[in-house]
């Protein structure tokens, strides 16, 4: 919703800014400020109403695709059904109209207030870098971003770092939009000598334009900032979490074999028989479960595991204090993040809510670091007894003392006693975890793809509007002696600068969001951003911007300047 509102407001605001000369002419022929405001309000309301209504049917189609995808990937239950409600459609249409009205009224307030005698002069002049509205809006955005960044960079809880980092990125995008003219002006002043040296004509003109028309170039770069910042933050947030989880699984499963079942699980007797199998050095059983809101966390459940057998089976959860050997009776081991949230240390008695809602008291016997892979808590089987949906084991981890192939053959013979039993190497558990994590592997990229497509449309619309508006300006340059080659060189440098500013600020916002998330997940500042995906997002964004800026400019310089100078805006 934020991205939709931001894109609509940015595009409509730019359209009003580019009509200042037309509005000034209306003021010069005695149109009152009220008449101007009503005119642009009616125009915006009609356009928003038609556009919003036109988007209802595509939205329903996309909703059907999303619902079917959720079903196909097992994210929703089989009985999930998509229901249509007129209230949602009315809210979407109403939100679109209100957003459009606010955008055009705010953008047109200056042109409507200017006295008629000064209207044309004011329309021809570039407004100052920042007006009061931009300063106030930018300060509000920064006031929201700074504390969120402070929380995300200091917390060690991924459940806190992830949402605060994402919301922080939204506030920083808004701040970049409000303070964009200042950043554009700074870039122009900084790069002017280098551009002039590289291209005495085109580079000089591009730097001069950048410094003179800061609001226009800021409006051109803002959609790029939005596209890069939002797409990369959300997508690489998913990949960072997924990569950290996989890394912890790989480090934590040091045993050679894993025993699973094609059915609901394995009985506890299967663990005893696996331990008695020749060549098995040690074996432990794991059963997935959850804890209710407890241990300093309210309003959500906590992923947990029941560990049967204590230490062994090649299971290395990264114990930092205590020992899993003591995990029996009313004992519990806690992940480092949840232990920090609860303020729990070894030997402390903590209150937990078991999966069936029963409160229980447990003694902390170990604290471990690989909680992304193995859950926030490891429970002893005695603590969870009688509070499980099923007493069956999810998997048995095996550490062998003999060649794994021979031991696997002996373990597979247990299938005669336990139908559905299957023996594989421990790496298969990592593959199974990847396959079951559809939320990150399918829904996350799908969500990011929608963001990228929508923001890319905003990029194309905005940049084409900016480029088309410059036909008279380019014609005037040619009439004053600039050659076609020099004008095209100037346009190329301007496009390069717009793309560099948009991508640079966008990547800075991404870093501000993802570095704290990576620190909370792994303790380091290395978010996982696959190079091919990063190159694709940046490359497509840059290509769209280059095409949107270059094609209208190329068409403009093809016409005779004396004809283009008198073209209707």
Protein backbone atom coordinates (compact mmCIF):
# COMPACT_ATOMS: atom_id res chain seq x y z
CA UNK A 1 0.00 0.00 0.00
CA UNK A 2 2.82 2.41 0.86
CA UNK A 3 4.51 1.78 -2.49
CA UNK A 4 1.26 2.33 -4.39
CA UNK A 5 0.53 5.58 -2.55
CA UNK A 6 4.12 6.77 -2.99
CA UNK A 7 4.17 6.05 -6.73
CA UNK A 8 0.76 7.62 -7.39
CA UNK A 9 1.55 10.72 -5.34
CA UNK A 10 4.97 11.14 -6.98
CA UNK A 11 3.63 10.82 -10.53
CA UNK A 12 0.64 13.13 -10.04
CA UNK A 13 2.72 15.64 -8.13
CA UNK A 14 5.22 15.77 -10.98
CA UNK A 15 2.43 16.23 -13.53
CA UNK A 16 1.19 19.31 -11.66
CA UNK A 17 4.71 20.72 -11.35
CA UNK A 18 5.14 20.40 -15.11
CA UNK A 19 1.86 22.27 -15.70
CA UNK A 20 2.91 25.35 -13.77
CA UNK A 21 3.10 27.46 -16.94
CA UNK A 22 -0.42 26.45 -17.94
CA UNK A 23 -1.71 27.21 -14.44
CA UNK A 24 0.17 30.51 -14.52
CA UNK A 25 -1.59 31.47 -17.77
CA UNK A 26 -4.94 30.71 -16.16
CA UNK A 27 -4.01 32.92 -13.21
CA UNK A 28 -2.90 35.64 -15.61
CA UNK A 29 -6.36 35.67 -17.24
CA UNK A 30 -8.05 36.10 -13.85
CA UNK A 31 -8.68 32.52 -12.69
CA UNK A 32 -8.93 32.53 -8.90
CA UNK A 33 -6.90 30.21 -6.63
CA UNK A 34 -10.11 28.39 -5.72
CA UNK A 35 -10.94 27.78 -9.37
CA UNK A 36 -7.42 26.45 -10.00
CA UNK A 37 -7.63 24.09 -7.03
CA UNK A 38 -11.07 22.84 -8.04
CA UNK A 39 -9.91 22.28 -11.62
CA UNK A 40 -6.91 20.15 -10.69
CA UNK A 41 -8.92 18.37 -7.98
CA UNK A 42 -11.64 17.37 -10.44
CA UNK A 43 -9.06 16.27 -13.01
CA UNK A 44 -7.24 14.16 -10.43
CA UNK A 45 -10.45 12.69 -9.03
CA UNK A 46 -11.69 11.64 -12.49
CA UNK A 47 -8.34 10.13 -13.49
CA UNK A 48 -7.98 8.34 -10.14
CA UNK A 49 -11.54 7.05 -10.24
CA UNK A 50 -11.18 5.63 -13.75
CA UNK A 51 -7.72 4.20 -13.02
CA UNK A 52 -8.77 2.63 -9.73
CA UNK A 53 -11.86 1.04 -11.24
CA UNK A 54 -9.78 -0.28 -14.14
CA UNK A 55 -7.45 -1.95 -11.66
CA UNK A 56 -10.18 -3.93 -9.87
CA UNK A 57 -10.43 -6.74 -12.42
CA UNK A 58 -6.64 -7.22 -12.84
CA UNK A 59 -6.44 -7.24 -9.05
CA UNK A 60 -9.00 -10.03 -8.84
CA UNK A 61 -7.11 -12.03 -11.48
CA UNK A 62 -3.83 -11.55 -9.63
CA UNK A 63 -5.56 -12.54 -6.39
CA UNK A 64 -6.70 -15.78 -7.99
CA UNK A 65 -3.18 -16.52 -9.20
CA UNK A 66 -1.78 -15.82 -5.74
CA UNK A 67 -4.42 -17.94 -4.02
CA UNK A 68 -3.79 -20.86 -6.35
CA UNK A 69 -0.05 -20.54 -5.81
CA UNK A 70 -0.52 -20.60 -2.04
CA UNK A 71 -2.53 -23.79 -2.37
CA UNK A 72 -0.12 -25.44 -4.80
CA UNK A 73 2.86 -24.77 -2.54
CA UNK A 74 1.14 -25.96 0.61
CA UNK A 75 1.32 -22.58 2.35
CA UNK A 76 -2.44 -22.46 2.97
CA UNK A 77 -4.76 -25.32 4.00
CA UNK A 78 -6.58 -27.25 1.23
CA UNK A 79 -9.92 -25.69 2.14
CA UNK A 80 -8.63 -22.16 1.59
CA UNK A 81 -10.86 -20.17 -0.76
CA UNK A 82 -10.65 -16.64 -2.17
CA UNK A 83 -13.68 -14.46 -1.43
CA UNK A 84 -14.48 -11.16 -3.12
CA UNK A 85 -15.91 -8.28 -1.13
CA UNK A 86 -17.22 -4.98 -2.43
CA UNK A 87 -15.86 -3.30 0.69
CA UNK A 88 -12.26 -4.05 -0.28
CA UNK A 89 -12.84 -2.71 -3.80
CA UNK A 90 -14.49 0.43 -2.43
CA UNK A 91 -11.60 0.96 -0.02
CA UNK A 92 -9.07 0.58 -2.85
CA UNK A 93 -10.92 3.05 -5.09
CA UNK A 94 -11.41 5.50 -2.25
CA UNK A 95 -7.75 5.26 -1.25
CA UNK A 96 -6.65 5.91 -4.84
CA UNK A 97 -8.88 8.96 -5.19
CA UNK A 98 -7.85 10.45 -1.83
CA UNK A 99 -4.16 9.88 -2.57
CA UNK A 100 -4.49 11.56 -5.96
CA UNK A 101 -6.33 14.54 -4.51
CA UNK A 102 -3.77 15.07 -1.76
CA UNK A 103 -0.89 14.80 -4.23
CA UNK A 104 -2.21 17.34 -6.74
CA UNK A 105 -3.51 19.80 -4.17
CA UNK A 106 -0.19 19.87 -2.32
CA UNK A 107 1.78 20.17 -5.59
CA UNK A 108 -0.50 22.87 -7.00
CA UNK A 109 -0.83 25.05 -3.91
CA UNK A 110 2.10 27.32 -4.86
CA UNK A 111 0.92 27.93 -8.42
CA UNK A 112 -2.60 28.66 -7.18
CA UNK A 113 -1.37 31.22 -4.61
CA UNK A 114 0.90 33.27 -6.88
CA UNK A 115 -0.54 36.70 -7.83
CA UNK A 116 -1.65 36.87 -11.48
CA UNK A 117 0.90 39.55 -12.35
CA UNK A 118 3.77 37.34 -11.20
CA UNK A 119 2.39 33.98 -12.29
CA UNK A 120 4.28 33.58 -15.58
CA UNK A 121 7.54 34.81 -14.07
CA UNK A 122 7.20 32.42 -11.14
CA UNK A 123 6.40 29.50 -13.45
CA UNK A 124 9.54 30.10 -15.48
CA UNK A 125 11.78 30.18 -12.41
CA UNK A 126 13.15 27.07 -10.76
CA UNK A 127 11.87 26.96 -7.15
CA UNK A 128 14.33 26.94 -4.30
CA UNK A 129 15.94 23.68 -3.23
CA UNK A 130 13.64 22.92 -0.31
CA UNK A 131 10.37 24.52 0.62
CA UNK A 132 8.88 24.33 4.12
CA UNK A 133 6.79 21.30 3.19
CA UNK A 134 9.81 19.32 2.03
CA UNK A 135 11.81 20.26 5.12
CA UNK A 136 9.02 19.25 7.49
CA UNK A 137 8.27 16.03 5.61
CA UNK A 138 11.94 15.09 5.44
CA UNK A 139 12.49 15.74 9.13
CA UNK A 140 9.45 13.64 10.03
CA UNK A 141 10.76 10.79 7.86
CA UNK A 142 14.20 11.01 9.47
CA UNK A 143 12.60 11.17 12.91
CA UNK A 144 11.01 7.81 12.13
CA UNK A 145 14.10 6.29 10.50
CA UNK A 146 16.72 7.16 13.14
CA UNK A 147 15.14 5.35 16.13
CA UNK A 148 14.22 2.38 13.95
CA UNK A 149 17.82 2.11 12.77
CA UNK A 150 19.03 2.38 16.37
CA UNK A 151 16.75 -0.48 17.40
CA UNK A 152 17.68 -2.68 14.45
CA UNK A 153 21.44 -2.16 14.86
CA UNK A 154 21.45 -2.83 18.61
CA UNK A 155 19.02 -5.74 18.84
CA UNK A 156 20.19 -9.35 18.67
CA UNK A 157 16.68 -10.67 18.00
CA UNK A 158 15.98 -11.44 14.30
CA UNK A 159 12.25 -11.16 14.94
CA UNK A 160 12.83 -7.53 15.90
CA UNK A 161 15.58 -6.71 13.39
CA UNK A 162 13.65 -7.90 10.31
CA UNK A 163 10.51 -5.72 10.57
CA UNK A 164 12.33 -2.67 11.94
CA UNK A 165 14.85 -2.83 9.07
CA UNK A 166 12.10 -3.01 6.47
CA UNK A 167 10.10 -0.14 7.98
CA UNK A 168 13.32 1.85 8.32
CA UNK A 169 13.86 1.44 4.56
CA UNK A 170 10.39 2.90 3.90
CA UNK A 171 11.13 5.97 6.03
CA UNK A 172 14.51 6.45 4.35
CA UNK A 173 12.89 6.32 0.89
CA UNK A 174 10.51 9.07 1.99
CA UNK A 175 13.40 11.11 3.39
CA UNK A 176 15.30 10.68 0.11
CA UNK A 177 12.26 11.92 -1.82
CA UNK A 178 11.84 15.01 0.37
CA UNK A 179 15.55 15.90 0.49
CA UNK A 180 16.24 14.76 -3.08
CA UNK A 181 16.92 18.27 -4.49
CA UNK A 182 19.68 18.84 -1.94
CA UNK A 183 21.34 15.54 -2.80
CA UNK A 184 21.08 16.25 -6.53
CA UNK A 185 22.61 19.71 -6.03
CA UNK A 186 25.46 18.22 -3.99
CA UNK A 187 26.18 15.65 -6.70
CA UNK A 188 26.13 18.36 -9.37
CA UNK A 189 28.64 20.50 -7.50
CA UNK A 190 30.84 17.52 -6.68
CA UNK A 191 30.96 16.04 -10.17
CA UNK A 192 30.89 19.21 -12.27
CA UNK A 193 34.70 19.47 -12.70
CA UNK A 194 35.05 15.79 -13.63
CA UNK A 195 32.14 15.90 -16.11
CA UNK A 196 33.50 19.04 -17.73
CA UNK A 197 36.91 17.41 -18.10
CA UNK A 198 35.45 14.23 -19.60
CA UNK A 199 33.09 16.01 -21.96
CA UNK A 200 33.63 19.78 -22.28
CA UNK A 201 30.26 20.38 -23.93
CA UNK A 202 27.90 17.55 -22.95
CA UNK A 203 29.33 17.05 -19.48
CA UNK A 204 29.34 20.76 -18.70
CA UNK A 205 25.73 21.19 -19.85
CA UNK A 206 24.60 18.10 -17.89
CA UNK A 207 26.26 19.34 -14.67
CA UNK A 208 24.78 22.81 -15.15
CA UNK A 209 21.29 21.40 -15.72
CA UNK A 210 21.63 19.12 -12.72
CA UNK A 211 22.52 22.02 -10.46
CA UNK A 212 19.84 24.34 -11.86
CA UNK A 213 16.86 21.98 -12.12
CA UNK A 214 17.32 20.06 -8.89
CA UNK A 215 13.64 19.32 -8.32
CA UNK A 216 13.15 17.93 -11.80
CA UNK A 217 16.15 15.63 -11.56
CA UNK A 218 15.18 14.65 -8.03
CA UNK A 219 11.74 13.65 -9.32
CA UNK A 220 13.47 11.59 -12.02
CA UNK A 221 15.74 9.70 -9.61
CA UNK A 222 13.20 9.07 -6.83
CA UNK A 223 11.36 6.19 -8.60
CA UNK A 224 14.71 4.47 -9.12
CA UNK A 225 15.47 4.87 -5.41
CA UNK A 226 12.09 3.33 -4.61
CA UNK A 227 12.58 0.40 -7.01
CA UNK A 228 16.08 -0.52 -5.85
CA UNK A 229 15.51 0.11 -2.14
CA UNK A 230 12.26 -1.84 -1.82
CA UNK A 231 13.07 -4.71 -4.19
CA UNK A 232 16.54 -5.35 -2.76
CA UNK A 233 15.54 -4.87 0.87
CA UNK A 234 12.69 -7.36 0.76
CA UNK A 235 14.28 -9.90 -1.58
CA UNK A 236 17.73 -9.94 -0.02
CA UNK A 237 16.14 -9.93 3.40
CA UNK A 238 14.59 -13.28 2.43
CA UNK A 239 17.85 -14.60 1.01
CA UNK A 240 19.85 -13.48 4.04
CA UNK A 241 17.53 -15.29 6.45
CA UNK A 242 17.40 -18.39 4.26
CA UNK A 243 21.17 -18.49 3.76
CA UNK A 244 21.86 -18.06 7.48
CA UNK A 245 19.44 -20.90 8.29
CA UNK A 246 21.02 -23.21 5.72
CA UNK A 247 24.51 -22.39 6.97
CA UNK A 248 23.49 -23.23 10.53
CA UNK A 249 21.91 -26.51 9.40
CA UNK A 250 25.04 -27.51 7.52
CA UNK A 251 27.22 -26.70 10.51
CA UNK A 252 24.86 -28.36 13.00
CA UNK A 253 24.33 -31.68 11.22
CA UNK A 254 27.77 -33.28 11.52
CA UNK A 255 26.50 -36.86 11.63
CA UNK A 256 26.57 -39.09 8.59
CA UNK A 257 23.00 -40.45 8.44
CA UNK A 258 19.41 -39.51 9.14
CA UNK A 259 16.44 -41.83 9.65
CA UNK A 260 13.02 -40.46 8.69
CA UNK A 261 9.59 -41.90 7.97
CA UNK A 262 7.24 -41.67 5.04
CA UNK A 263 4.40 -41.65 7.58
CA UNK A 264 3.65 -39.36 10.52
CA UNK A 265 6.86 -40.26 12.34
CA UNK A 266 8.87 -42.92 14.15
CA UNK A 267 8.15 -44.44 17.59
CA UNK A 268 10.65 -44.03 20.42
CA UNK A 269 11.51 -47.73 20.09
CA UNK A 270 13.02 -47.00 16.68
CA UNK A 271 15.61 -44.78 18.38
CA UNK A 272 16.57 -47.59 20.76
CA UNK A 273 16.87 -50.07 17.87
CA UNK A 274 18.96 -47.57 15.84
CA UNK A 275 21.33 -47.17 18.77
CA UNK A 276 21.67 -50.94 19.04
CA UNK A 277 22.56 -51.27 15.35
CA UNK A 278 26.15 -52.31 14.66
CA UNK A 279 28.32 -49.37 13.58
CA UNK A 280 26.14 -46.68 15.19
CA UNK A 281 28.23 -44.58 17.57
CA UNK A 282 25.39 -42.39 18.84
CA UNK A 283 21.85 -41.41 17.89
CA UNK A 284 19.33 -38.79 18.99
CA UNK A 285 15.74 -38.08 18.03
CA UNK A 286 14.19 -34.73 17.11
CA UNK A 287 10.50 -33.86 17.12
CA UNK A 288 9.18 -30.51 15.93
CA UNK A 289 6.89 -28.62 18.28
CA UNK A 290 6.03 -25.07 19.33
CA UNK A 291 5.88 -23.05 22.51
CA UNK A 292 3.15 -20.56 23.23
CA UNK A 293 3.85 -16.90 24.00
CA UNK A 294 6.43 -16.98 26.79
CA UNK A 295 10.12 -16.36 27.48
CA UNK A 296 9.78 -12.65 26.91
CA UNK A 297 7.82 -13.02 23.66
CA UNK A 298 4.14 -12.13 23.53
CA UNK A 299 1.60 -12.58 20.79
CA UNK A 300 3.35 -15.28 18.77
CA UNK A 301 4.43 -18.90 19.03
CA UNK A 302 8.05 -20.01 19.21
CA UNK A 303 9.51 -22.80 17.06
CA UNK A 304 11.04 -25.53 19.22
CA UNK A 305 12.27 -29.13 19.11
CA UNK A 306 12.01 -32.03 21.50
CA UNK A 307 15.45 -33.62 21.77
CA UNK A 308 15.43 -37.27 22.79
CA UNK A 309 18.76 -38.74 23.76
CA UNK A 310 20.64 -35.65 24.89
CA UNK A 311 24.01 -35.07 23.27
CA UNK A 312 25.07 -37.16 20.27
CA UNK A 313 23.99 -38.17 16.80
CA UNK A 314 26.35 -35.61 15.29
CA UNK A 315 23.96 -32.85 16.38
CA UNK A 316 25.89 -29.65 17.05
CA UNK A 317 23.55 -26.79 17.92
CA UNK A 318 26.45 -24.53 18.85
CA UNK A 319 26.23 -24.77 22.64
CA UNK A 320 27.85 -21.69 24.17
CA UNK A 321 27.22 -22.56 27.81
CA UNK A 322 25.90 -25.59 29.67
CA UNK A 323 25.51 -29.02 28.10
CA UNK A 324 22.82 -30.97 26.25
CA UNK A 325 23.77 -34.02 28.34
CA UNK A 326 21.69 -32.51 31.14
CA UNK A 327 18.58 -32.25 28.95
CA UNK A 328 16.29 -34.59 30.90
CA UNK A 329 13.52 -34.19 33.43
CA UNK A 330 12.11 -30.64 33.48
CA UNK A 331 15.09 -29.24 31.57
CA UNK A 332 15.20 -26.90 28.58
CA UNK A 333 17.92 -25.50 26.31
CA UNK A 334 17.42 -22.02 24.87
CA UNK A 335 18.67 -20.31 21.73
CA UNK A 336 20.83 -17.28 22.36
CA UNK A 337 18.26 -14.81 21.04
CA UNK A 338 15.36 -16.05 23.14
CA UNK A 339 17.64 -16.44 26.18
CA UNK A 340 18.63 -12.80 25.78
CA UNK A 341 14.99 -11.72 25.44
CA UNK A 342 14.03 -13.66 28.58
CA UNK A 343 17.17 -12.67 30.50
CA UNK A 344 17.76 -16.37 31.21
CA UNK A 345 21.07 -17.95 32.23
CA UNK A 346 22.22 -21.48 33.04
CA UNK A 347 20.44 -22.82 36.11
CA UNK A 348 17.57 -20.32 35.97
CA UNK A 349 13.99 -21.50 36.29
CA UNK A 350 11.83 -20.17 33.46
CA UNK A 351 8.13 -20.37 32.76
CA UNK A 352 7.14 -21.66 29.33
CA UNK A 353 3.83 -22.33 27.66
CA UNK A 354 3.85 -25.72 26.00
CA UNK A 355 2.32 -26.32 22.61
CA UNK A 356 -1.10 -27.27 24.04
CA UNK A 357 -1.25 -24.08 26.11
CA UNK A 358 -0.17 -25.65 29.40
CA UNK A 359 2.20 -23.51 31.48
CA UNK A 360 5.28 -25.31 32.82
CA UNK A 361 8.45 -24.50 34.74
CA UNK A 362 11.81 -25.66 33.38
CA UNK A 363 15.46 -25.35 34.28
CA UNK A 364 17.82 -23.88 31.68
CA UNK A 365 20.66 -26.37 31.16
CA UNK A 366 22.19 -25.05 27.93
CA UNK A 367 22.26 -22.00 25.67
CA UNK A 368 23.08 -22.46 21.98
CA UNK A 369 23.72 -20.24 18.97
CA UNK A 370 22.21 -22.11 15.99
CA UNK A 371 18.61 -21.24 16.81
CA UNK A 372 17.66 -20.33 13.25
CA UNK A 373 18.12 -23.95 12.24
CA UNK A 374 16.95 -25.76 15.37
CA UNK A 375 14.37 -23.44 16.89
CA UNK A 376 14.30 -21.16 19.90
CA UNK A 377 14.21 -24.00 22.44
CA UNK A 378 15.14 -27.66 22.84
CA UNK A 379 12.86 -29.49 25.27
CA UNK A 380 13.52 -32.70 27.14
CA UNK A 381 11.06 -35.48 26.29
CA UNK A 382 9.91 -35.61 29.92
CA UNK A 383 9.00 -31.90 29.89
CA UNK A 384 6.89 -32.28 26.74
CA UNK A 385 5.35 -35.67 27.62
CA UNK A 386 1.57 -35.58 27.44
CA UNK A 387 1.52 -32.19 25.74
CA UNK A 388 2.24 -33.26 22.15
CA UNK A 389 -0.09 -33.89 19.26
CA UNK A 390 1.85 -37.11 18.63
CA UNK A 391 4.67 -38.79 20.59
CA UNK A 392 6.37 -39.88 17.35
CA UNK A 393 9.88 -38.71 16.44
CA UNK A 394 10.29 -36.55 13.31
CA UNK A 395 13.81 -37.81 12.55
CA UNK A 396 16.69 -39.72 14.09
CA UNK A 397 20.22 -38.38 13.61
CA UNK A 398 22.98 -40.98 13.38
CA UNK A 399 26.71 -40.67 14.00
CA UNK A 400 28.54 -43.74 12.72
CA UNK A 401 31.74 -45.41 13.81
CA UNK A 402 32.01 -47.49 10.64
CA UNK A 403 31.59 -46.74 6.90
CA UNK A 404 28.27 -44.99 6.47
CA UNK A 405 27.14 -47.18 3.56
CA UNK A 406 27.32 -50.39 5.55
CA UNK A 407 25.60 -48.83 8.56
CA UNK A 408 22.85 -47.40 6.33
CA UNK A 409 22.13 -50.89 4.96
CA UNK A 410 21.75 -52.28 8.48
CA UNK A 411 19.52 -49.42 9.55
CA UNK A 412 17.34 -49.81 6.47
CA UNK A 413 16.63 -53.36 7.59
CA UNK A 414 14.63 -51.84 10.46
CA UNK A 415 11.97 -50.94 7.90
CA UNK A 416 10.59 -54.46 8.34
CA UNK A 417 9.75 -53.53 11.91
CA UNK A 418 8.85 -49.90 11.21
CA UNK A 419 7.08 -49.57 7.83
CA UNK A 420 7.92 -46.34 6.01
CA UNK A 421 11.36 -45.99 7.65
CA UNK A 422 13.90 -44.44 5.31
CA UNK A 423 17.66 -43.96 5.72
CA UNK A 424 19.56 -41.18 3.94
CA UNK A 425 22.57 -38.99 4.51
CA UNK A 426 22.17 -36.01 6.83
CA UNK A 427 22.43 -33.59 3.89
CA UNK A 428 18.97 -34.75 2.82
CA UNK A 429 17.53 -32.97 5.87
CA UNK A 430 18.93 -29.67 4.54
CA UNK A 431 17.36 -30.34 1.16
CA UNK A 432 14.05 -31.25 2.80
CA UNK A 433 14.14 -28.06 4.86
CA UNK A 434 14.72 -26.01 1.71
CA UNK A 435 11.84 -27.73 -0.05
CA UNK A 436 9.46 -27.17 2.88
CA UNK A 437 10.35 -23.51 3.32
CA UNK A 438 7.98 -22.32 0.62
CA UNK A 439 7.26 -19.07 2.40
CA UNK A 440 10.71 -17.71 1.55
CA UNK A 441 11.31 -19.67 -1.67
CA UNK A 442 8.09 -18.83 -3.50
CA UNK A 443 5.95 -16.26 -1.75
CA UNK A 444 8.86 -13.95 -0.94
CA UNK A 445 10.17 -13.67 -4.53
CA UNK A 446 6.60 -13.44 -5.85
CA UNK A 447 5.91 -10.54 -3.52
CA UNK A 448 9.16 -8.83 -4.50
CA UNK A 449 8.40 -9.35 -8.20
CA UNK A 450 5.10 -7.51 -7.77
CA UNK A 451 6.92 -4.64 -6.06
CA UNK A 452 9.53 -4.50 -8.83
CA UNK A 453 6.96 -4.49 -11.64
CA UNK A 454 4.87 -1.79 -10.00
CA UNK A 455 7.81 0.46 -9.19
CA UNK A 456 9.25 -0.10 -12.67
CA UNK A 457 6.01 1.24 -14.14
CA UNK A 458 6.45 4.31 -11.94
CA UNK A 459 10.04 4.66 -13.22
CA UNK A 460 8.91 4.55 -16.85
CA UNK A 461 6.01 6.95 -16.33
CA UNK A 462 8.04 9.51 -14.43
CA UNK A 463 11.12 9.49 -16.64
CA UNK A 464 9.14 9.63 -19.86
CA UNK A 465 7.17 12.60 -18.47
CA UNK A 466 10.41 14.36 -17.55
CA UNK A 467 12.00 13.67 -20.95
CA UNK A 468 8.96 14.70 -23.01
CA UNK A 469 8.67 17.96 -21.11
CA UNK A 470 12.16 19.03 -22.30
CA UNK A 471 11.44 19.25 -26.03
CA UNK A 472 11.28 23.06 -26.01
CA UNK A 473 14.36 23.28 -23.80
CA UNK A 474 16.38 21.07 -26.17
CA UNK A 475 15.19 23.09 -29.16
CA UNK A 476 16.27 26.32 -27.43
CA UNK A 477 19.75 24.86 -26.85
CA UNK A 478 20.08 24.07 -30.55
CA UNK A 479 18.87 27.53 -31.56
CA UNK A 480 21.52 29.10 -29.33
CA UNK A 481 24.32 27.16 -31.04
CA UNK A 482 24.48 23.68 -29.51
CA UNK A 483 24.89 20.91 -32.07
CA UNK A 484 22.78 17.75 -32.15
CA UNK A 485 25.82 15.79 -31.02
CA UNK A 486 26.34 18.07 -28.03
CA UNK A 487 22.66 17.87 -27.04
CA UNK A 488 22.73 14.09 -27.24
CA UNK A 489 25.95 13.99 -25.21
CA UNK A 490 24.32 16.18 -22.57
CA UNK A 491 21.26 13.90 -22.46
CA UNK A 492 23.46 10.81 -22.08
CA UNK A 493 25.38 12.32 -19.18
CA UNK A 494 22.15 13.43 -17.55
CA UNK A 495 20.75 9.91 -17.87
CA UNK A 496 23.95 8.47 -16.38
CA UNK A 497 23.76 10.89 -13.46
CA UNK A 498 20.07 10.19 -12.80
CA UNK A 499 20.69 6.44 -12.85
CA UNK A 500 23.80 6.74 -10.66
CA UNK A 501 21.97 8.90 -8.10
CA UNK A 502 18.93 6.62 -8.03
CA UNK A 503 20.90 3.39 -7.77
CA UNK A 504 23.43 4.84 -5.34
CA UNK A 505 20.87 6.18 -2.87
CA UNK A 506 18.78 3.03 -3.25
CA UNK A 507 21.76 0.79 -2.45
CA UNK A 508 22.68 2.97 0.54
CA UNK A 509 19.16 2.47 1.91
CA UNK A 510 19.44 -1.29 1.28
CA UNK A 511 22.70 -1.43 3.20
CA UNK A 512 21.12 0.50 6.09
CA UNK A 513 18.32 -2.08 6.23
CA UNK A 514 20.22 -5.33 5.63
CA UNK A 515 23.40 -4.81 7.66
CA UNK A 516 21.53 -4.72 11.00
CA UNK A 517 19.49 -7.76 9.95
CA UNK A 518 22.65 -9.70 9.11
CA UNK A 519 24.20 -8.70 12.42
CA UNK A 520 21.15 -9.92 14.34
CA UNK A 521 21.12 -13.23 12.44
CA UNK A 522 24.80 -14.13 12.37
CA UNK A 523 26.68 -11.57 14.44
CA UNK A 524 28.40 -10.26 11.30
CA UNK A 525 27.71 -7.55 8.75
CA UNK A 526 27.52 -9.67 5.60
CA UNK A 527 23.99 -9.90 4.21
CA UNK A 528 23.57 -12.55 1.54
CA UNK A 529 22.83 -10.92 -1.81
CA UNK A 530 23.43 -13.31 -4.74
CA UNK A 531 25.43 -11.44 -7.35
CA UNK A 532 23.25 -12.57 -10.27
CA UNK A 533 20.03 -11.35 -8.66
CA UNK A 534 21.62 -8.07 -7.59
CA UNK A 535 22.96 -7.50 -11.10
CA UNK A 536 19.54 -8.32 -12.57
CA UNK A 537 17.67 -5.85 -10.35
CA UNK A 538 20.18 -3.06 -10.90
CA UNK A 539 20.63 -3.82 -14.60
CA UNK A 540 16.93 -3.93 -15.44
CA UNK A 541 16.27 -0.78 -13.40
CA UNK A 542 19.10 1.07 -15.15
CA UNK A 543 18.00 -0.19 -18.58
CA UNK A 544 14.40 0.94 -18.05
CA UNK A 545 15.59 4.37 -16.95
CA UNK A 546 17.98 4.68 -19.89
CA UNK A 547 15.29 3.75 -22.43
CA UNK A 548 12.69 6.04 -20.82
CA UNK A 549 15.10 8.99 -20.94
CA UNK A 550 16.81 8.32 -24.26
CA UNK A 551 13.93 7.54 -26.62
CA UNK A 552 11.98 10.83 -26.09
CA UNK A 553 15.25 12.80 -26.29
CA UNK A 554 16.22 11.04 -29.53
CA UNK A 555 12.83 11.86 -31.01
CA UNK A 556 13.04 15.48 -29.84
CA UNK A 557 16.38 16.21 -31.54
CA UNK A 558 15.15 14.72 -34.82
CA UNK A 559 12.69 17.57 -35.35
CA UNK A 560 13.71 21.05 -36.53
CA UNK A 561 14.40 23.30 -33.51
CA UNK A 562 12.37 26.19 -34.93
CA UNK A 563 9.34 23.90 -35.04
CA UNK A 564 10.00 22.30 -31.65
CA UNK A 565 10.38 25.66 -29.87
CA UNK A 566 6.75 26.46 -30.61
CA UNK A 567 5.37 23.02 -29.84
CA UNK A 568 2.48 22.84 -27.42
CA UNK A 569 3.51 21.66 -23.96
